[in-house]
């Protein structure tokens, strides 16, 4: 029976881990039984190979004894944790800079890059005059922003708010991978509720990942088409003249009140 690609890849990975365990033992003057090497390799196969490689290197250089499974896991996870921490803090800094430069708001108090200076601009009929020019953030950052209150929380953040908002950002950033791996919506809601939420009485497709992606469009700044955005309204020149006169009158009244 032909082995699957996954089985072959796992066997090769186990072989690599066994070689690293054997090398670490020999470097300390020890020899392990094949059965022990195989069992230890099985206990390490879930760790990313890059992290394992760094852990084995540290173990050979820093330890005076052959490393056990717990020692290798500790070194590997410490390396992964430091990488995640650095990535998380870099994403926080990027989010703050992005909010300061690109995020704006409309008259209704909705915040997002689509409402800022670099968002798309439309004419009176709802057609795009200038497309959006702000950069697109990675999906992980967009999801974290949405789950921590949206762009308003970052644009209006004060010095007193900053520690609490940063804590929420870091918590959601760490949890993001676990949330994305939830692919069965029935784990979160009864199936009728899921169908009602999706507006589809048929088979639920795409799972929670699809829901997450659709909601994240609010944050990503993706604009609907002109037909979806505004219906075309025909107005006369007299209407625009009357409107301008009304606005000028309101401005004059406001200035008169301020000068008193």
C-alpha atoms as a PDB file:
ATOM      1  CA  UNK A   1       0.000   0.000   0.000  1.00  0.00           C
ATOM      2  CA  UNK A   2       1.410   3.351  -1.048  1.00  0.00           C
ATOM      3  CA  UNK A   3       2.150   5.773   1.776  1.00  0.00           C
ATOM      4  CA  UNK A   4       0.597   9.223   1.733  1.00  0.00           C
ATOM      5  CA  UNK A   5       2.626  12.396   1.410  1.00  0.00           C
ATOM      6  CA  UNK A   6       1.856  13.308   5.031  1.00  0.00           C
ATOM      7  CA  UNK A   7       3.096   9.964   6.301  1.00  0.00           C
ATOM      8  CA  UNK A   8       6.320  10.305   4.325  1.00  0.00           C
ATOM      9  CA  UNK A   9       6.866  13.849   5.598  1.00  0.00           C
ATOM     10  CA  UNK A  10       6.252  12.756   9.197  1.00  0.00           C
ATOM     11  CA  UNK A  11       8.673   9.832   8.870  1.00  0.00           C
ATOM     12  CA  UNK A  12      11.357  12.144   7.478  1.00  0.00           C
ATOM     13  CA  UNK A  13      10.738  14.602  10.300  1.00  0.00           C
ATOM     14  CA  UNK A  14      11.035  11.851  12.927  1.00  0.00           C
ATOM     15  CA  UNK A  15      14.266  10.699  11.318  1.00  0.00           C
ATOM     16  CA  UNK A  16      15.678  14.211  11.500  1.00  0.00           C
ATOM     17  CA  UNK A  17      14.735  14.548  15.188  1.00  0.00           C
ATOM     18  CA  UNK A  18      16.315  11.170  15.987  1.00  0.00           C
ATOM     19  CA  UNK A  19      19.531  12.279  14.294  1.00  0.00           C
ATOM     20  CA  UNK A  20      19.540  15.480  16.369  1.00  0.00           C
ATOM     21  CA  UNK A  21      18.913  13.573  19.607  1.00  0.00           C
ATOM     22  CA  UNK A  22      21.709  11.142  18.776  1.00  0.00           C
ATOM     23  CA  UNK A  23      24.085  14.009  17.941  1.00  0.00           C
ATOM     24  CA  UNK A  24      23.244  15.786  21.207  1.00  0.00           C
ATOM     25  CA  UNK A  25      23.898  12.586  23.199  1.00  0.00           C
ATOM     26  CA  UNK A  26      27.174  11.793  21.438  1.00  0.00           C
ATOM     27  CA  UNK A  27      28.374  15.362  22.014  1.00  0.00           C
ATOM     28  CA  UNK A  28      28.066  14.688  25.761  1.00  0.00           C
ATOM     29  CA  UNK A  29      29.657  11.228  25.602  1.00  0.00           C
ATOM     30  CA  UNK A  30      26.405   9.274  25.857  1.00  0.00           C
ATOM     31  CA  UNK A  31      24.688   6.674  23.703  1.00  0.00           C
ATOM     32  CA  UNK A  32      20.910   6.208  23.738  1.00  0.00           C
ATOM     33  CA  UNK A  33      18.990   3.068  22.795  1.00  0.00           C
ATOM     34  CA  UNK A  34      17.044   3.237  19.508  1.00  0.00           C
ATOM     35  CA  UNK A  35      13.785   2.708  21.396  1.00  0.00           C
ATOM     36  CA  UNK A  36      14.455   5.770  23.574  1.00  0.00           C
ATOM     37  CA  UNK A  37      15.410   7.875  20.576  1.00  0.00           C
ATOM     38  CA  UNK A  38      12.200   6.898  18.800  1.00  0.00           C
ATOM     39  CA  UNK A  39      10.014   7.623  21.856  1.00  0.00           C
ATOM     40  CA  UNK A  40      11.676  10.984  22.461  1.00  0.00           C
ATOM     41  CA  UNK A  41      11.287  11.947  18.811  1.00  0.00           C
ATOM     42  CA  UNK A  42       7.550  11.209  18.976  1.00  0.00           C
ATOM     43  CA  UNK A  43       7.282  13.597  21.931  1.00  0.00           C
ATOM     44  CA  UNK A  44       8.963  16.392  19.949  1.00  0.00           C
ATOM     45  CA  UNK A  45       7.373  15.993  16.532  1.00  0.00           C
ATOM     46  CA  UNK A  46       4.685  18.657  17.218  1.00  0.00           C
ATOM     47  CA  UNK A  47       7.253  21.460  17.593  1.00  0.00           C
ATOM     48  CA  UNK A  48       8.211  23.462  14.461  1.00  0.00           C
ATOM     49  CA  UNK A  49      11.488  22.249  12.994  1.00  0.00           C
ATOM     50  CA  UNK A  50      13.079  25.709  13.019  1.00  0.00           C
ATOM     51  CA  UNK A  51      12.444  26.022  16.757  1.00  0.00           C
ATOM     52  CA  UNK A  52      13.760  22.497  17.357  1.00  0.00           C
ATOM     53  CA  UNK A  53      16.937  23.206  15.425  1.00  0.00           C
ATOM     54  CA  UNK A  54      17.630  26.268  17.555  1.00  0.00           C
ATOM     55  CA  UNK A  55      16.850  24.289  20.731  1.00  0.00           C
ATOM     56  CA  UNK A  56      19.250  21.450  19.843  1.00  0.00           C
ATOM     57  CA  UNK A  57      21.997  23.956  19.068  1.00  0.00           C
ATOM     58  CA  UNK A  58      21.511  25.700  22.405  1.00  0.00           C
ATOM     59  CA  UNK A  59      21.443  22.384  24.245  1.00  0.00           C
ATOM     60  CA  UNK A  60      24.781  21.282  22.764  1.00  0.00           C
ATOM     61  CA  UNK A  61      26.397  24.626  23.585  1.00  0.00           C
ATOM     62  CA  UNK A  62      24.877  25.413  26.971  1.00  0.00           C
ATOM     63  CA  UNK A  63      24.227  22.101  28.731  1.00  0.00           C
ATOM     64  CA  UNK A  64      26.759  19.749  30.316  1.00  0.00           C
ATOM     65  CA  UNK A  65      24.488  16.720  29.987  1.00  0.00           C
ATOM     66  CA  UNK A  66      22.396  15.111  27.231  1.00  0.00           C
ATOM     67  CA  UNK A  67      19.110  17.034  26.968  1.00  0.00           C
ATOM     68  CA  UNK A  68      15.866  15.249  27.708  1.00  0.00           C
ATOM     69  CA  UNK A  69      12.518  15.848  26.092  1.00  0.00           C
ATOM     70  CA  UNK A  70      11.420  18.409  28.690  1.00  0.00           C
ATOM     71  CA  UNK A  71      14.667  20.355  28.268  1.00  0.00           C
ATOM     72  CA  UNK A  72      14.396  20.423  24.484  1.00  0.00           C
ATOM     73  CA  UNK A  73      10.756  21.503  24.667  1.00  0.00           C
ATOM     74  CA  UNK A  74      11.575  24.277  27.123  1.00  0.00           C
ATOM     75  CA  UNK A  75      14.344  25.623  24.905  1.00  0.00           C
ATOM     76  CA  UNK A  76      12.226  25.348  21.760  1.00  0.00           C
ATOM     77  CA  UNK A  77       9.185  27.001  23.286  1.00  0.00           C
ATOM     78  CA  UNK A  78      11.282  29.784  24.784  1.00  0.00           C
ATOM     79  CA  UNK A  79      12.643  30.542  21.324  1.00  0.00           C
ATOM     80  CA  UNK A  80       9.160  30.495  19.791  1.00  0.00           C
ATOM     81  CA  UNK A  81       7.825  32.646  22.625  1.00  0.00           C
ATOM     82  CA  UNK A  82      10.485  35.286  22.097  1.00  0.00           C
ATOM     83  CA  UNK A  83       9.739  35.382  18.364  1.00  0.00           C
ATOM     84  CA  UNK A  84       6.011  35.751  19.006  1.00  0.00           C
ATOM     85  CA  UNK A  85       6.636  38.502  21.542  1.00  0.00           C
ATOM     86  CA  UNK A  86       8.818  40.427  19.093  1.00  0.00           C
ATOM     87  CA  UNK A  87       6.292  39.968  16.273  1.00  0.00           C
ATOM     88  CA  UNK A  88       3.433  41.024  18.535  1.00  0.00           C
ATOM     89  CA  UNK A  89       5.139  44.226  19.676  1.00  0.00           C
ATOM     90  CA  UNK A  90       6.109  45.095  16.109  1.00  0.00           C
ATOM     91  CA  UNK A  91       2.478  44.647  15.027  1.00  0.00           C
ATOM     92  CA  UNK A  92       1.320  46.914  17.856  1.00  0.00           C
ATOM     93  CA  UNK A  93       3.706  49.675  16.779  1.00  0.00           C
ATOM     94  CA  UNK A  94       2.570  49.265  13.166  1.00  0.00           C
ATOM     95  CA  UNK A  95      -1.087  49.469  14.186  1.00  0.00           C
ATOM     96  CA  UNK A  96      -0.538  52.693  16.153  1.00  0.00           C
ATOM     97  CA  UNK A  97       1.365  54.346  13.283  1.00  0.00           C
ATOM     98  CA  UNK A  98      -1.288  53.223  10.804  1.00  0.00           C
ATOM     99  CA  UNK A  99      -4.102  54.655  12.937  1.00  0.00           C
ATOM    100  CA  UNK A 100      -2.332  57.977  13.346  1.00  0.00           C
ATOM    101  CA  UNK A 101      -1.676  58.438   9.627  1.00  0.00           C
ATOM    102  CA  UNK A 102      -4.458  56.681   7.744  1.00  0.00           C
ATOM    103  CA  UNK A 103      -7.528  56.290   9.985  1.00  0.00           C
ATOM    104  CA  UNK A 104     -10.241  58.950   9.900  1.00  0.00           C
ATOM    105  CA  UNK A 105     -13.940  59.178  10.670  1.00  0.00           C
ATOM    106  CA  UNK A 106     -17.157  60.172   8.941  1.00  0.00           C
ATOM    107  CA  UNK A 107     -19.952  62.412  10.213  1.00  0.00           C
ATOM    108  CA  UNK A 108     -21.633  59.434  11.864  1.00  0.00           C
ATOM    109  CA  UNK A 109     -18.615  58.614  14.016  1.00  0.00           C
ATOM    110  CA  UNK A 110     -17.490  55.553  12.045  1.00  0.00           C
ATOM    111  CA  UNK A 111     -13.719  55.133  12.087  1.00  0.00           C
ATOM    112  CA  UNK A 112     -11.510  53.404   9.540  1.00  0.00           C
ATOM    113  CA  UNK A 113      -8.887  54.028   6.855  1.00  0.00           C
ATOM    114  CA  UNK A 114     -11.638  54.326   4.277  1.00  0.00           C
ATOM    115  CA  UNK A 115     -12.750  57.531   6.040  1.00  0.00           C
ATOM    116  CA  UNK A 116      -9.275  59.053   6.152  1.00  0.00           C
ATOM    117  CA  UNK A 117      -7.410  61.285   3.702  1.00  0.00           C
ATOM    118  CA  UNK A 118      -6.009  58.257   1.876  1.00  0.00           C
ATOM    119  CA  UNK A 119      -9.383  56.539   1.469  1.00  0.00           C
ATOM    120  CA  UNK A 120     -11.301  56.391  -1.783  1.00  0.00           C
ATOM    121  CA  UNK A 121     -13.035  59.584  -2.902  1.00  0.00           C
ATOM    122  CA  UNK A 122     -16.427  59.661  -4.627  1.00  0.00           C
ATOM    123  CA  UNK A 123     -18.322  62.154  -6.728  1.00  0.00           C
ATOM    124  CA  UNK A 124     -21.915  63.225  -6.147  1.00  0.00           C
ATOM    125  CA  UNK A 125     -23.208  60.208  -7.982  1.00  0.00           C
ATOM    126  CA  UNK A 126     -21.214  57.737  -5.924  1.00  0.00           C
ATOM    127  CA  UNK A 127     -18.591  56.941  -8.553  1.00  0.00           C
ATOM    128  CA  UNK A 128     -14.969  56.560  -7.482  1.00  0.00           C
ATOM    129  CA  UNK A 129     -12.930  59.652  -8.360  1.00  0.00           C
ATOM    130  CA  UNK A 130      -9.757  58.474  -6.634  1.00  0.00           C
ATOM    131  CA  UNK A 131      -9.116  54.954  -5.336  1.00  0.00           C
ATOM    132  CA  UNK A 132      -7.855  54.293  -1.834  1.00  0.00           C
ATOM    133  CA  UNK A 133      -4.092  54.636  -1.448  1.00  0.00           C
ATOM    134  CA  UNK A 134      -3.528  53.438   2.126  1.00  0.00           C
ATOM    135  CA  UNK A 135      -1.521  50.196   2.584  1.00  0.00           C
ATOM    136  CA  UNK A 136      -3.281  46.932   3.387  1.00  0.00           C
ATOM    137  CA  UNK A 137      -2.498  45.376   6.762  1.00  0.00           C
ATOM    138  CA  UNK A 138      -2.181  41.630   7.230  1.00  0.00           C
ATOM    139  CA  UNK A 139      -5.342  39.757   8.186  1.00  0.00           C
ATOM    140  CA  UNK A 140      -4.123  38.942  11.681  1.00  0.00           C
ATOM    141  CA  UNK A 141      -3.751  42.621  12.572  1.00  0.00           C
ATOM    142  CA  UNK A 142      -7.139  43.505  11.055  1.00  0.00           C
ATOM    143  CA  UNK A 143      -8.870  40.771  13.036  1.00  0.00           C
ATOM    144  CA  UNK A 144      -7.162  41.818  16.266  1.00  0.00           C
ATOM    145  CA  UNK A 145      -8.201  45.450  15.724  1.00  0.00           C
ATOM    146  CA  UNK A 146     -11.799  44.396  15.143  1.00  0.00           C
ATOM    147  CA  UNK A 147     -11.862  42.162  18.211  1.00  0.00           C
ATOM    148  CA  UNK A 148     -10.463  44.902  20.449  1.00  0.00           C
ATOM    149  CA  UNK A 149     -13.047  47.543  19.663  1.00  0.00           C
ATOM    150  CA  UNK A 150     -12.302  48.697  16.132  1.00  0.00           C
ATOM    151  CA  UNK A 151     -10.242  51.571  14.798  1.00  0.00           C
ATOM    152  CA  UNK A 152     -11.912  54.183  17.013  1.00  0.00           C
ATOM    153  CA  UNK A 153     -10.206  52.695  20.074  1.00  0.00           C
ATOM    154  CA  UNK A 154      -6.791  53.250  18.475  1.00  0.00           C
ATOM    155  CA  UNK A 155      -7.442  56.624  16.862  1.00  0.00           C
ATOM    156  CA  UNK A 156      -8.897  58.152  20.046  1.00  0.00           C
ATOM    157  CA  UNK A 157      -6.626  56.345  22.510  1.00  0.00           C
ATOM    158  CA  UNK A 158      -5.235  58.497  25.330  1.00  0.00           C
ATOM    159  CA  UNK A 159      -2.153  57.945  27.460  1.00  0.00           C
ATOM    160  CA  UNK A 160      -4.376  56.495  30.191  1.00  0.00           C
ATOM    161  CA  UNK A 161      -6.047  54.122  27.704  1.00  0.00           C
ATOM    162  CA  UNK A 162      -2.797  52.904  26.163  1.00  0.00           C
ATOM    163  CA  UNK A 163      -1.765  50.225  28.723  1.00  0.00           C
ATOM    164  CA  UNK A 164      -5.220  48.621  28.736  1.00  0.00           C
ATOM    165  CA  UNK A 165      -5.624  48.732  24.958  1.00  0.00           C
ATOM    166  CA  UNK A 166      -2.156  47.271  24.466  1.00  0.00           C
ATOM    167  CA  UNK A 167      -2.964  44.449  26.890  1.00  0.00           C
ATOM    168  CA  UNK A 168      -6.145  43.635  24.927  1.00  0.00           C
ATOM    169  CA  UNK A 169      -4.206  43.762  21.656  1.00  0.00           C
ATOM    170  CA  UNK A 170      -1.553  41.330  22.935  1.00  0.00           C
ATOM    171  CA  UNK A 171      -4.167  38.918  24.313  1.00  0.00           C
ATOM    172  CA  UNK A 172      -6.087  38.786  21.042  1.00  0.00           C
ATOM    173  CA  UNK A 173      -2.884  38.554  19.013  1.00  0.00           C
ATOM    174  CA  UNK A 174      -1.803  35.454  20.967  1.00  0.00           C
ATOM    175  CA  UNK A 175      -5.257  33.891  20.671  1.00  0.00           C
ATOM    176  CA  UNK A 176      -5.651  34.616  16.958  1.00  0.00           C
ATOM    177  CA  UNK A 177      -4.102  31.353  15.707  1.00  0.00           C
ATOM    178  CA  UNK A 178      -6.300  29.243  17.988  1.00  0.00           C
ATOM    179  CA  UNK A 179      -9.431  31.112  16.857  1.00  0.00           C
ATOM    180  CA  UNK A 180      -8.569  30.624  13.190  1.00  0.00           C
ATOM    181  CA  UNK A 181      -8.189  26.872  13.735  1.00  0.00           C
ATOM    182  CA  UNK A 182     -11.828  26.590  14.857  1.00  0.00           C
ATOM    183  CA  UNK A 183     -13.369  25.479  11.573  1.00  0.00           C
ATOM    184  CA  UNK A 184     -16.595  23.900  12.856  1.00  0.00           C
ATOM    185  CA  UNK A 185     -19.206  26.565  13.733  1.00  0.00           C
ATOM    186  CA  UNK A 186     -21.282  23.943  15.575  1.00  0.00           C
ATOM    187  CA  UNK A 187     -18.656  24.130  18.338  1.00  0.00           C
ATOM    188  CA  UNK A 188     -19.764  27.711  19.038  1.00  0.00           C
ATOM    189  CA  UNK A 189     -23.499  27.781  18.214  1.00  0.00           C
ATOM    190  CA  UNK A 190     -26.297  25.263  17.678  1.00  0.00           C
ATOM    191  CA  UNK A 191     -26.657  24.557  13.968  1.00  0.00           C
ATOM    192  CA  UNK A 192     -30.000  26.411  13.565  1.00  0.00           C
ATOM    193  CA  UNK A 193     -28.423  29.511  15.095  1.00  0.00           C
ATOM    194  CA  UNK A 194     -25.459  29.221  12.729  1.00  0.00           C
ATOM    195  CA  UNK A 195     -27.767  28.993   9.738  1.00  0.00           C
ATOM    196  CA  UNK A 196     -29.743  31.991  10.927  1.00  0.00           C
ATOM    197  CA  UNK A 197     -26.528  33.955  11.443  1.00  0.00           C
ATOM    198  CA  UNK A 198     -25.329  33.134   7.935  1.00  0.00           C
ATOM    199  CA  UNK A 199     -28.746  33.745   6.430  1.00  0.00           C
ATOM    200  CA  UNK A 200     -28.632  30.361   4.717  1.00  0.00           C
ATOM    201  CA  UNK A 201     -30.842  27.384   5.533  1.00  0.00           C
ATOM    202  CA  UNK A 202     -28.673  25.092   3.485  1.00  0.00           C
ATOM    203  CA  UNK A 203     -25.256  23.661   4.183  1.00  0.00           C
ATOM    204  CA  UNK A 204     -22.900  25.927   6.111  1.00  0.00           C
ATOM    205  CA  UNK A 205     -19.782  26.461   4.045  1.00  0.00           C
ATOM    206  CA  UNK A 206     -16.517  28.000   5.052  1.00  0.00           C
ATOM    207  CA  UNK A 207     -17.085  27.726   8.806  1.00  0.00           C
ATOM    208  CA  UNK A 208     -16.056  30.362  11.298  1.00  0.00           C
ATOM    209  CA  UNK A 209     -13.087  31.342   9.141  1.00  0.00           C
ATOM    210  CA  UNK A 210     -15.529  32.596   6.494  1.00  0.00           C
ATOM    211  CA  UNK A 211     -17.466  34.584   9.110  1.00  0.00           C
ATOM    212  CA  UNK A 212     -14.212  36.075  10.387  1.00  0.00           C
ATOM    213  CA  UNK A 213     -13.079  37.056   6.915  1.00  0.00           C
ATOM    214  CA  UNK A 214     -16.415  38.656   6.038  1.00  0.00           C
ATOM    215  CA  UNK A 215     -16.518  40.710   9.231  1.00  0.00           C
ATOM    216  CA  UNK A 216     -12.922  41.807   8.783  1.00  0.00           C
ATOM    217  CA  UNK A 217     -13.923  43.648   5.581  1.00  0.00           C
ATOM    218  CA  UNK A 218     -15.198  46.449   7.810  1.00  0.00           C
ATOM    219  CA  UNK A 219     -11.637  46.993   9.035  1.00  0.00           C
ATOM    220  CA  UNK A 220      -9.741  46.314   5.837  1.00  0.00           C
ATOM    221  CA  UNK A 221     -11.277  49.335   4.127  1.00  0.00           C
ATOM    222  CA  UNK A 222     -12.528  47.368   1.126  1.00  0.00           C
ATOM    223  CA  UNK A 223     -15.102  49.561  -0.587  1.00  0.00           C
ATOM    224  CA  UNK A 224     -18.304  48.376  -2.231  1.00  0.00           C
ATOM    225  CA  UNK A 225     -18.976  49.192  -5.830  1.00  0.00           C
ATOM    226  CA  UNK A 226     -20.595  52.473  -6.773  1.00  0.00           C
ATOM    227  CA  UNK A 227     -23.925  50.737  -7.474  1.00  0.00           C
ATOM    228  CA  UNK A 228     -23.928  49.224  -3.997  1.00  0.00           C
ATOM    229  CA  UNK A 229     -22.787  52.454  -2.361  1.00  0.00           C
ATOM    230  CA  UNK A 230     -25.224  55.095  -3.575  1.00  0.00           C
ATOM    231  CA  UNK A 231     -28.138  55.172  -5.980  1.00  0.00           C
ATOM    232  CA  UNK A 232     -27.818  57.731  -8.710  1.00  0.00           C
ATOM    233  CA  UNK A 233     -29.822  60.859  -7.849  1.00  0.00           C
ATOM    234  CA  UNK A 234     -30.497  63.551 -10.423  1.00  0.00           C
ATOM    235  CA  UNK A 235     -30.708  67.116  -8.990  1.00  0.00           C
ATOM    236  CA  UNK A 236     -31.143  70.423 -10.769  1.00  0.00           C
ATOM    237  CA  UNK A 237     -28.791  73.400 -10.731  1.00  0.00           C
ATOM    238  CA  UNK A 238     -31.444  75.316  -8.796  1.00  0.00           C
ATOM    239  CA  UNK A 239     -31.326  72.702  -6.025  1.00  0.00           C
ATOM    240  CA  UNK A 240     -27.531  73.056  -5.685  1.00  0.00           C
ATOM    241  CA  UNK A 241     -27.774  76.864  -5.687  1.00  0.00           C
ATOM    242  CA  UNK A 242     -30.440  76.817  -2.981  1.00  0.00           C
ATOM    243  CA  UNK A 243     -28.387  74.343  -0.962  1.00  0.00           C
ATOM    244  CA  UNK A 244     -25.259  76.522  -1.166  1.00  0.00           C
ATOM    245  CA  UNK A 245     -27.227  79.591  -0.123  1.00  0.00           C
ATOM    246  CA  UNK A 246     -28.668  77.748   2.854  1.00  0.00           C
ATOM    247  CA  UNK A 247     -25.248  76.565   3.977  1.00  0.00           C
ATOM    248  CA  UNK A 248     -23.800  80.075   3.596  1.00  0.00           C
ATOM    249  CA  UNK A 249     -26.619  81.478   5.703  1.00  0.00           C
ATOM    250  CA  UNK A 250     -25.961  78.908   8.426  1.00  0.00           C
ATOM    251  CA  UNK A 251     -22.225  79.719   8.389  1.00  0.00           C
ATOM    252  CA  UNK A 252     -22.932  83.481   8.641  1.00  0.00           C
ATOM    253  CA  UNK A 253     -25.253  82.928  11.610  1.00  0.00           C
ATOM    254  CA  UNK A 254     -22.657  80.789  13.352  1.00  0.00           C
ATOM    255  CA  UNK A 255     -19.949  83.418  12.829  1.00  0.00           C
ATOM    256  CA  UNK A 256     -22.272  86.143  14.117  1.00  0.00           C
ATOM    257  CA  UNK A 257     -22.943  84.197  17.303  1.00  0.00           C
ATOM    258  CA  UNK A 258     -19.231  83.630  17.899  1.00  0.00           C
ATOM    259  CA  UNK A 259     -18.394  87.313  17.409  1.00  0.00           C
ATOM    260  CA  UNK A 260     -20.853  88.434  20.116  1.00  0.00           C
END
